[in-house]
Amino acid sequence: MTPQSKQSASAPNEHPKQITSEPQVLSILGSTGSIGTSTLAVLDHHPEHYRVYALAAHSQYQLMFEQCLQYQPEVAVLIQVEAAEKLRQLLKEAGSSTRVECGDEAVVDAAKAHNVTTVVAAIVGAAGLRSTLAAVAAGKRLLLANKESLVMSGDLLMDSAKASGSLVMPVDSEHNAIFQCLPQDVTGVNLSGVEKILLTASGGPFRNWSRKELSVVTPQQALKHPNWSMGPKVTIDSSTLMNKGLELIEACHLFGVGADDIEVLVHPQSVVHSMVAYSDGSVIAQLGRPDMRTPIAHALSWPHRIHSGVQSLDFLTLANLTFEAPDLTSFPCLRLAMEAQREGGTAPTVLNAANEVCVDAFLNDSVAFLQLPEIVEYTLSQAKITPAVDLPTIINADNNAREIASEKLSSLSC
């Protein structure tokens, strides 16, 4: 790690707010997705310490209805109008006092509500950007699972966190592992003596596949991750290694390092979630079962520890733990993410936007698997990259990149 990156390093807990005896009051944004349901599963073990103020999701009104009955939030938000109306009717018939709101602005309101202490940012993609920024600006403890927010607006988000005193706790298993492996004190993480961050990747379902095999990959195959249970977008990103690229960008902002300070290692067993190498030759690793309840419980309770519902590892039954370099030829998305982070400015925003367009098209059988990185690379070459000075600039870059990627997709289908 270069001296410059050490000096400029900033930590997610630069101004930590300690957990008190008072219950944390949560808004869970993305409550019907995998992170949201895992968070609620952790809360089930500690009803005396956590209370749900708001649940928010896109359109799964039936699951949201069941969550409202169990956790009795004051507010439930659905983005889709028709779904919100169906939820409102179901709750009325059930005699629930939960208030139903609709739309993006209602999600932002749930994130910054004055009585909320903790926000779980688990809305996938750029759709979670505004609410995540709102939570940080309001000084909340932020459990960050929406990596796209940092990819798109990393400097803005982290600067806002410093200004407001927001505690940003990473929920991605890899970033949470890095956080646990770094030295900590009351002023945050001290990167002194850190040589390198070792970011692990499962390799996805197509590790060691040939280009010929990858050329006929179907969405159904890509959605079958060997280790993790995740939503469709993240699962597809894992199959292309774009997810690891986005995580590398996220780690740069969370821990104040450069892309060259991070080494990606493919670790198919997903037991070692990430490591930190030190100048004295030590390497500290965080290990655990591939279950998101572990990093969620850690982020909820830090600096304390609570039961997550996940069993500890049984080292006597573990298979061999292996590591290998990522294949950047067969999976160029990781390389593109590294290059975008090095370029800086709005390049990561463009990368993310193009990827979201491509993943949506792939899930709808509108583009081939191997065309995903090609379209992302084309979009990066055509988009104008500018300094990411403010949110309007970032939103404009996002919109422009989506137009470029969509036009390229249309030309391929002609």
Protein backbone atom coordinates (compact mmCIF):
# COMPACT_ATOMS: atom_id res chain seq x y z
CA MET A 1 0.00 0.00 0.00
CA THR A 2 1.40 3.36 -0.97
CA PRO A 3 2.15 6.01 1.68
CA GLN A 4 -0.24 8.37 -0.10
CA SER A 5 -3.16 5.96 0.21
CA LYS A 6 -2.37 5.44 3.90
CA GLN A 7 -2.38 9.16 4.56
CA SER A 8 -5.65 9.71 2.69
CA ALA A 9 -7.39 6.72 4.21
CA SER A 10 -10.77 7.33 5.77
CA ALA A 11 -12.83 4.70 7.54
CA PRO A 12 -16.53 3.89 7.57
CA ASN A 13 -16.61 4.59 11.30
CA GLU A 14 -14.68 7.85 11.35
CA HIS A 15 -17.14 9.28 13.89
CA PRO A 16 -18.74 6.18 15.42
CA LYS A 17 -21.94 6.37 17.38
CA GLN A 18 -21.85 3.78 20.13
CA ILE A 19 -24.77 1.44 20.71
CA THR A 20 -26.75 2.45 23.79
CA SER A 21 -29.19 0.54 25.96
CA GLU A 22 -32.05 2.10 24.02
CA PRO A 23 -33.48 -0.08 21.21
CA GLN A 24 -32.31 0.74 17.71
CA VAL A 25 -35.17 1.92 15.51
CA LEU A 26 -34.81 0.64 11.96
CA SER A 27 -35.94 1.52 8.48
CA ILE A 28 -35.27 -1.49 6.24
CA LEU A 29 -35.10 -0.42 2.61
CA GLY A 30 -35.47 -3.49 0.42
CA SER A 31 -37.21 -5.56 3.10
CA THR A 32 -38.55 -8.22 0.71
CA GLY A 33 -35.15 -9.00 -0.84
CA SER A 34 -32.50 -11.38 0.43
CA ILE A 35 -30.72 -8.80 2.62
CA GLY A 36 -33.98 -7.47 4.00
CA THR A 37 -35.36 -10.88 4.93
CA SER A 38 -32.00 -11.87 6.46
CA THR A 39 -32.01 -8.69 8.54
CA LEU A 40 -35.48 -9.46 9.86
CA ALA A 41 -34.34 -13.00 10.67
CA VAL A 42 -31.54 -11.55 12.84
CA LEU A 43 -33.99 -9.20 14.55
CA ASP A 44 -36.13 -12.20 15.48
CA HIS A 45 -33.41 -13.24 17.93
CA HIS A 46 -33.30 -9.81 19.63
CA PRO A 47 -36.77 -8.26 19.79
CA GLU A 48 -35.82 -6.30 22.91
CA HIS A 49 -32.97 -4.46 21.15
CA TYR A 50 -34.45 -3.57 17.77
CA ARG A 51 -37.73 -2.05 16.59
CA VAL A 52 -38.88 -1.62 12.99
CA TYR A 53 -40.18 1.82 12.05
CA ALA A 54 -40.43 1.39 8.28
CA LEU A 55 -40.27 -1.33 5.66
CA ALA A 56 -39.77 -0.44 2.01
CA ALA A 57 -39.70 -2.49 -1.19
CA HIS A 58 -40.60 -2.32 -4.85
CA SER A 59 -43.75 -4.36 -5.47
CA GLN A 60 -43.95 -7.61 -3.46
CA TYR A 61 -47.07 -6.59 -1.59
CA GLN A 62 -47.99 -10.08 -0.35
CA LEU A 63 -44.65 -10.63 1.41
CA MET A 64 -44.71 -7.04 2.64
CA PHE A 65 -48.17 -7.70 4.10
CA GLU A 66 -46.83 -10.69 6.04
CA GLN A 67 -43.86 -8.64 7.27
CA CYS A 68 -46.15 -5.83 8.41
CA LEU A 69 -48.29 -8.22 10.43
CA GLN A 70 -45.23 -9.71 12.13
CA TYR A 71 -43.13 -6.59 12.76
CA GLN A 72 -45.85 -3.92 12.94
CA PRO A 73 -43.93 -1.02 11.39
CA GLU A 74 -45.41 2.44 11.50
CA VAL A 75 -44.84 2.86 7.77
CA ALA A 76 -44.72 0.50 4.78
CA VAL A 77 -43.55 1.82 1.43
CA LEU A 78 -43.93 0.24 -1.98
CA ILE A 79 -42.63 1.92 -5.12
CA GLN A 80 -45.26 0.50 -7.45
CA VAL A 81 -48.61 2.27 -7.15
CA GLU A 82 -50.83 -0.76 -7.79
CA ALA A 83 -48.91 -2.88 -5.30
CA ALA A 84 -49.17 -0.16 -2.65
CA GLU A 85 -52.92 -0.01 -3.09
CA LYS A 86 -53.24 -3.80 -2.74
CA LEU A 87 -51.12 -3.70 0.41
CA ARG A 88 -53.20 -0.87 1.82
CA GLN A 89 -56.39 -2.89 1.31
CA LEU A 90 -54.94 -6.05 2.86
CA LEU A 91 -53.72 -4.18 5.95
CA LYS A 92 -57.04 -2.43 6.32
CA GLU A 93 -58.89 -5.75 6.24
CA ALA A 94 -56.45 -7.15 8.82
CA GLY A 95 -57.03 -4.18 11.14
CA SER A 96 -53.38 -3.11 10.98
CA SER A 97 -52.36 0.41 11.96
CA THR A 98 -49.38 0.45 9.55
CA ARG A 99 -49.54 3.41 7.20
CA VAL A 100 -48.88 2.66 3.53
CA GLU A 101 -46.94 5.14 1.40
CA CYS A 102 -45.95 4.97 -2.26
CA GLY A 103 -43.08 6.14 -4.43
CA ASP A 104 -39.41 7.06 -4.29
CA GLU A 105 -39.92 10.13 -2.12
CA ALA A 106 -41.61 8.02 0.54
CA VAL A 107 -38.53 5.77 0.64
CA VAL A 108 -36.32 8.84 1.16
CA ASP A 109 -38.63 9.99 3.97
CA ALA A 110 -38.34 6.57 5.64
CA ALA A 111 -34.54 6.81 5.44
CA LYS A 112 -34.31 10.19 7.15
CA ALA A 113 -37.23 9.97 9.62
CA HIS A 114 -36.21 11.71 12.85
CA ASN A 115 -36.96 8.77 15.16
CA VAL A 116 -34.99 6.25 13.06
CA THR A 117 -31.50 5.41 14.33
CA THR A 118 -30.50 2.73 11.81
CA VAL A 119 -31.14 2.36 8.08
CA VAL A 120 -30.57 -0.88 6.18
CA ALA A 121 -29.83 0.17 2.58
CA ALA A 122 -30.63 -2.97 0.60
CA ILE A 123 -32.41 -1.62 -2.47
CA VAL A 124 -30.54 -3.03 -5.45
CA GLY A 125 -28.89 -0.79 -8.03
CA ALA A 126 -29.02 2.92 -8.71
CA ALA A 127 -32.61 2.94 -7.41
CA GLY A 128 -31.20 2.95 -3.87
CA LEU A 129 -28.94 5.98 -4.33
CA ARG A 130 -31.17 8.83 -3.12
CA SER A 131 -32.43 7.07 0.00
CA THR A 132 -28.92 5.95 0.95
CA LEU A 133 -27.58 9.49 0.62
CA ALA A 134 -30.55 10.79 2.62
CA ALA A 135 -29.82 8.38 5.47
CA VAL A 136 -26.17 9.44 5.59
CA ALA A 137 -26.99 13.15 5.46
CA ALA A 138 -29.38 12.64 8.38
CA GLY A 139 -26.62 11.06 10.46
CA LYS A 140 -28.07 7.56 10.67
CA ARG A 141 -26.20 4.35 11.34
CA LEU A 142 -26.15 3.00 7.78
CA LEU A 143 -25.97 -0.73 7.12
CA LEU A 144 -24.81 -0.53 3.52
CA ALA A 145 -25.73 -3.40 1.23
CA ASN A 146 -26.40 -1.16 -1.78
CA LYS A 147 -22.88 -1.13 -3.20
CA GLU A 148 -24.02 0.86 -6.23
CA SER A 149 -24.45 3.94 -4.03
CA LEU A 150 -20.73 3.99 -3.28
CA VAL A 151 -19.82 3.05 -6.85
CA MET A 152 -21.80 6.02 -8.17
CA SER A 153 -21.19 8.60 -5.46
CA GLY A 154 -18.40 7.31 -3.23
CA ASP A 155 -16.73 10.61 -2.41
CA LEU A 156 -20.04 12.42 -1.91
CA LEU A 157 -21.38 9.70 0.37
CA MET A 158 -18.25 9.37 2.51
CA ASP A 159 -17.79 13.14 2.81
CA SER A 160 -21.43 13.45 3.86
CA ALA A 161 -20.93 10.72 6.47
CA LYS A 162 -17.98 12.59 7.97
CA ALA A 163 -19.96 15.82 8.08
CA SER A 164 -23.06 14.31 9.69
CA GLY A 165 -21.37 11.76 11.96
CA SER A 166 -23.11 8.91 10.19
CA LEU A 167 -21.68 5.48 10.97
CA VAL A 168 -21.40 3.56 7.67
CA MET A 169 -21.18 -0.16 8.36
CA PRO A 170 -20.58 -2.46 5.36
CA VAL A 171 -22.95 -5.40 5.07
CA ASP A 172 -21.42 -7.08 2.01
CA SER A 173 -19.68 -10.10 3.50
CA GLU A 174 -16.32 -9.16 1.98
CA HIS A 175 -16.29 -5.54 3.16
CA ASN A 176 -17.59 -6.51 6.56
CA ALA A 177 -14.75 -9.04 6.77
CA ILE A 178 -12.19 -6.38 5.84
CA PHE A 179 -13.63 -4.07 8.48
CA GLN A 180 -13.23 -6.82 11.08
CA CYS A 181 -9.63 -7.52 9.99
CA LEU A 182 -8.47 -3.91 10.24
CA PRO A 183 -7.22 -2.42 13.53
CA GLN A 184 -9.85 -0.32 15.25
CA ASP A 185 -9.93 2.28 17.98
CA VAL A 186 -12.33 4.94 19.16
CA THR A 187 -11.49 7.21 16.20
CA GLY A 188 -12.07 4.53 13.60
CA VAL A 189 -9.96 2.23 11.49
CA ASN A 190 -6.23 2.96 11.44
CA LEU A 191 -4.65 1.69 8.23
CA SER A 192 -1.08 2.08 9.53
CA GLY A 193 0.96 -1.00 8.68
CA VAL A 194 -1.52 -2.37 6.13
CA GLU A 195 0.20 -3.63 2.98
CA LYS A 196 -2.76 -4.90 0.97
CA ILE A 197 -6.43 -5.75 1.15
CA LEU A 198 -7.20 -9.23 -0.16
CA LEU A 199 -10.74 -9.28 -1.54
CA THR A 200 -12.09 -12.79 -2.06
CA ALA A 201 -14.50 -13.95 -4.76
CA SER A 202 -16.30 -17.26 -5.15
CA GLY A 203 -15.67 -17.25 -8.89
CA GLY A 204 -19.39 -17.70 -9.55
CA PRO A 205 -21.04 -20.67 -11.27
CA PHE A 206 -18.84 -20.57 -14.40
CA ARG A 207 -15.35 -20.65 -12.92
CA ASN A 208 -12.98 -22.47 -15.30
CA TRP A 209 -15.54 -22.54 -18.12
CA SER A 210 -14.22 -22.06 -21.65
CA ARG A 211 -15.26 -19.19 -23.92
CA LYS A 212 -17.20 -21.71 -26.00
CA GLU A 213 -19.14 -22.85 -22.95
CA LEU A 214 -19.74 -19.26 -21.82
CA SER A 215 -21.12 -18.33 -25.24
CA VAL A 216 -24.27 -20.39 -24.63
CA VAL A 217 -24.88 -19.59 -20.95
CA THR A 218 -28.56 -19.05 -20.10
CA PRO A 219 -30.05 -16.79 -17.41
CA GLN A 220 -31.29 -19.89 -15.60
CA GLN A 221 -27.73 -21.23 -15.36
CA ALA A 222 -26.33 -17.89 -14.25
CA LEU A 223 -28.92 -17.61 -11.48
CA LYS A 224 -27.65 -20.80 -9.80
CA HIS A 225 -24.87 -19.55 -7.55
CA PRO A 226 -22.86 -22.38 -5.96
CA ASN A 227 -22.61 -20.84 -2.47
CA TRP A 228 -24.79 -17.79 -1.87
CA SER A 229 -28.52 -17.08 -1.94
CA MET A 230 -28.90 -13.62 -3.46
CA GLY A 231 -31.25 -11.59 -5.60
CA PRO A 232 -31.19 -12.01 -9.41
CA LYS A 233 -29.20 -8.87 -10.23
CA VAL A 234 -26.40 -9.58 -7.74
CA THR A 235 -26.34 -13.24 -8.78
CA ILE A 236 -25.85 -12.35 -12.45
CA ASP A 237 -23.15 -9.86 -11.47
CA SER A 238 -21.43 -12.63 -9.54
CA SER A 239 -21.47 -14.87 -12.62
CA THR A 240 -19.69 -12.20 -14.71
CA LEU A 241 -17.38 -11.08 -11.86
CA MET A 242 -18.85 -7.59 -12.20
CA ASN A 243 -20.03 -7.93 -8.62
CA LYS A 244 -16.42 -8.25 -7.52
CA GLY A 245 -15.52 -5.22 -9.61
CA LEU A 246 -18.22 -3.16 -7.95
CA GLU A 247 -17.03 -4.43 -4.57
CA LEU A 248 -13.48 -3.36 -5.37
CA ILE A 249 -14.71 0.17 -6.10
CA GLU A 250 -16.80 0.10 -2.93
CA ALA A 251 -13.80 -0.99 -0.86
CA CYS A 252 -11.71 1.88 -2.22
CA HIS A 253 -14.22 4.38 -0.83
CA LEU A 254 -14.97 2.57 2.42
CA PHE A 255 -11.34 2.14 3.40
CA GLY A 256 -9.68 5.06 1.62
CA VAL A 257 -7.39 3.02 -0.64
CA GLY A 258 -6.64 2.83 -4.36
CA ALA A 259 -7.52 0.06 -6.79
CA ASP A 260 -3.89 -1.10 -6.79
CA ASP A 261 -4.00 -1.58 -3.01
CA ILE A 262 -6.56 -4.37 -3.45
CA GLU A 263 -5.88 -7.87 -4.75
CA VAL A 264 -8.81 -10.05 -5.81
CA LEU A 265 -8.47 -13.75 -5.04
CA VAL A 266 -10.89 -16.42 -6.26
CA HIS A 267 -11.79 -18.62 -3.29
CA PRO A 268 -14.44 -21.14 -4.43
CA GLN A 269 -15.38 -22.37 -0.95
CA SER A 270 -16.54 -18.90 0.26
CA VAL A 271 -15.30 -19.59 3.79
CA VAL A 272 -12.62 -16.89 3.95
CA HIS A 273 -14.63 -13.75 3.28
CA SER A 274 -11.61 -11.45 2.88
CA MET A 275 -8.20 -10.76 4.40
CA VAL A 276 -5.82 -7.93 5.25
CA ALA A 277 -2.06 -8.29 4.80
CA TYR A 278 0.29 -6.29 7.08
CA SER A 279 3.84 -5.04 6.64
CA ASP A 280 5.16 -7.39 9.35
CA GLY A 281 4.13 -10.44 7.31
CA SER A 282 0.88 -11.08 9.18
CA VAL A 283 -2.34 -11.80 7.30
CA ILE A 284 -5.60 -11.56 9.20
CA ALA A 285 -8.66 -13.28 7.75
CA GLN A 286 -12.34 -13.40 8.67
CA LEU A 287 -13.96 -16.80 8.20
CA GLY A 288 -17.53 -17.97 8.45
CA ARG A 289 -20.32 -19.79 6.73
CA PRO A 290 -21.64 -18.16 3.53
CA ASP A 291 -24.67 -16.66 5.27
CA MET A 292 -25.52 -12.96 5.16
CA ARG A 293 -26.95 -13.02 8.67
CA THR A 294 -23.39 -12.98 10.05
CA PRO A 295 -22.25 -9.63 8.57
CA ILE A 296 -25.72 -8.16 9.19
CA ALA A 297 -25.56 -9.07 12.88
CA HIS A 298 -22.06 -7.63 13.14
CA ALA A 299 -23.05 -4.37 11.46
CA LEU A 300 -26.18 -4.04 13.59
CA SER A 301 -24.41 -4.55 16.90
CA TRP A 302 -20.90 -3.14 16.41
CA PRO A 303 -18.89 -2.59 18.58
CA HIS A 304 -20.66 -5.45 20.37
CA ARG A 305 -21.53 -8.96 19.16
CA ILE A 306 -24.94 -10.61 19.01
CA HIS A 307 -26.23 -14.01 18.01
CA SER A 308 -27.08 -14.13 14.29
CA GLY A 309 -28.71 -17.54 14.06
CA VAL A 310 -25.73 -18.86 12.07
CA GLN A 311 -23.74 -21.86 13.31
CA SER A 312 -20.00 -21.51 13.78
CA LEU A 313 -17.64 -23.27 11.40
CA ASP A 314 -16.68 -26.84 12.18
CA PHE A 315 -13.03 -26.90 11.16
CA LEU A 316 -12.85 -30.69 11.44
CA THR A 317 -15.32 -31.04 8.59
CA LEU A 318 -14.03 -28.26 6.33
CA ALA A 319 -12.85 -29.17 2.86
CA ASN A 320 -9.61 -27.75 1.49
CA LEU A 321 -9.48 -23.98 1.20
CA THR A 322 -8.08 -22.96 -2.18
CA PHE A 323 -7.20 -19.64 -3.83
CA GLU A 324 -6.47 -18.66 -7.42
CA ALA A 325 -6.13 -15.58 -9.56
CA PRO A 326 -9.25 -14.34 -11.39
CA ASP A 327 -9.48 -14.99 -15.13
CA LEU A 328 -9.69 -11.47 -16.55
CA THR A 329 -9.77 -12.77 -20.13
CA SER A 330 -12.92 -14.85 -19.75
CA PHE A 331 -14.43 -12.44 -17.21
CA PRO A 332 -13.37 -8.93 -18.32
CA CYS A 333 -15.99 -7.14 -16.19
CA LEU A 334 -13.60 -7.17 -13.24
CA ARG A 335 -10.90 -5.56 -15.38
CA LEU A 336 -13.34 -2.91 -16.60
CA ALA A 337 -14.28 -2.05 -13.02
CA MET A 338 -10.62 -1.71 -12.04
CA GLU A 339 -10.00 0.60 -14.98
CA ALA A 340 -13.07 2.69 -14.20
CA GLN A 341 -11.96 3.16 -10.60
CA ARG A 342 -8.49 4.20 -11.71
CA GLU A 343 -10.00 6.71 -14.18
CA GLY A 344 -12.28 8.10 -11.49
CA GLY A 345 -14.86 10.84 -11.92
CA THR A 346 -18.10 9.54 -13.42
CA ALA A 347 -16.45 6.43 -14.94
CA PRO A 348 -17.70 4.12 -12.16
CA THR A 349 -21.20 5.60 -12.56
CA VAL A 350 -21.10 4.86 -16.30
CA LEU A 351 -19.83 1.33 -15.63
CA ASN A 352 -22.64 0.66 -13.17
CA ALA A 353 -25.39 2.11 -15.36
CA ALA A 354 -24.33 0.16 -18.44
CA ASN A 355 -24.09 -3.01 -16.41
CA GLU A 356 -27.59 -2.58 -14.97
CA VAL A 357 -29.00 -2.16 -18.48
CA CYS A 358 -27.14 -5.27 -19.66
CA VAL A 359 -28.15 -7.45 -16.72
CA ASP A 360 -31.80 -6.54 -17.21
CA ALA A 361 -31.53 -7.42 -20.91
CA PHE A 362 -29.78 -10.71 -20.15
CA LEU A 363 -32.45 -11.71 -17.63
CA ASN A 364 -35.00 -11.06 -20.38
CA ASP A 365 -33.08 -13.18 -22.92
CA SER A 366 -32.31 -10.10 -25.02
CA VAL A 367 -28.52 -10.38 -25.06
CA ALA A 368 -25.89 -13.11 -24.85
CA PHE A 369 -23.78 -13.63 -21.75
CA LEU A 370 -20.49 -12.78 -23.46
CA GLN A 371 -21.97 -9.56 -24.86
CA LEU A 372 -22.44 -8.06 -21.39
CA PRO A 373 -18.84 -6.89 -20.91
CA GLU A 374 -18.64 -5.83 -24.56
CA ILE A 375 -21.56 -3.42 -24.13
CA VAL A 376 -20.20 -2.09 -20.85
CA GLU A 377 -16.80 -1.46 -22.45
CA TYR A 378 -18.42 0.22 -25.45
CA THR A 379 -20.45 2.49 -23.17
CA LEU A 380 -17.34 3.49 -21.23
CA SER A 381 -15.59 4.36 -24.50
CA GLN A 382 -18.49 6.52 -25.72
CA ALA A 383 -19.58 8.30 -22.54
CA LYS A 384 -18.08 11.61 -21.51
CA ILE A 385 -16.27 11.15 -18.20
CA THR A 386 -16.31 14.22 -15.95
CA PRO A 387 -15.50 14.93 -12.28
CA ALA A 388 -18.30 13.60 -10.05
CA VAL A 389 -18.72 16.92 -8.30
CA ASP A 390 -22.37 16.68 -7.26
CA LEU A 391 -25.49 14.52 -7.41
CA PRO A 392 -26.97 16.15 -10.57
CA THR A 393 -23.72 15.41 -12.42
CA ILE A 394 -23.83 11.78 -11.28
CA ILE A 395 -27.50 11.37 -12.23
CA ASN A 396 -26.83 12.91 -15.65
CA ALA A 397 -23.91 10.54 -16.24
CA ASP A 398 -26.10 7.61 -15.18
CA ASN A 399 -28.90 8.58 -17.57
CA ASN A 400 -26.52 9.19 -20.46
CA ALA A 401 -24.79 5.84 -19.97
CA ARG A 402 -28.12 4.04 -19.93
CA GLU A 403 -29.04 5.66 -23.25
CA ILE A 404 -25.74 4.62 -24.84
CA ALA A 405 -26.01 1.04 -23.57
CA SER A 406 -29.66 0.75 -24.62
CA GLU A 407 -28.88 2.03 -28.13
CA LYS A 408 -26.05 -0.49 -28.43
CA LEU A 409 -28.38 -3.28 -27.31
CA SER A 410 -30.94 -2.23 -29.90
CA SER A 411 -28.34 -2.30 -32.66
CA LEU A 412 -27.34 -5.84 -31.68
CA SER A 413 -30.92 -7.08 -31.92
CA CYS A 414 -31.49 -5.58 -35.39
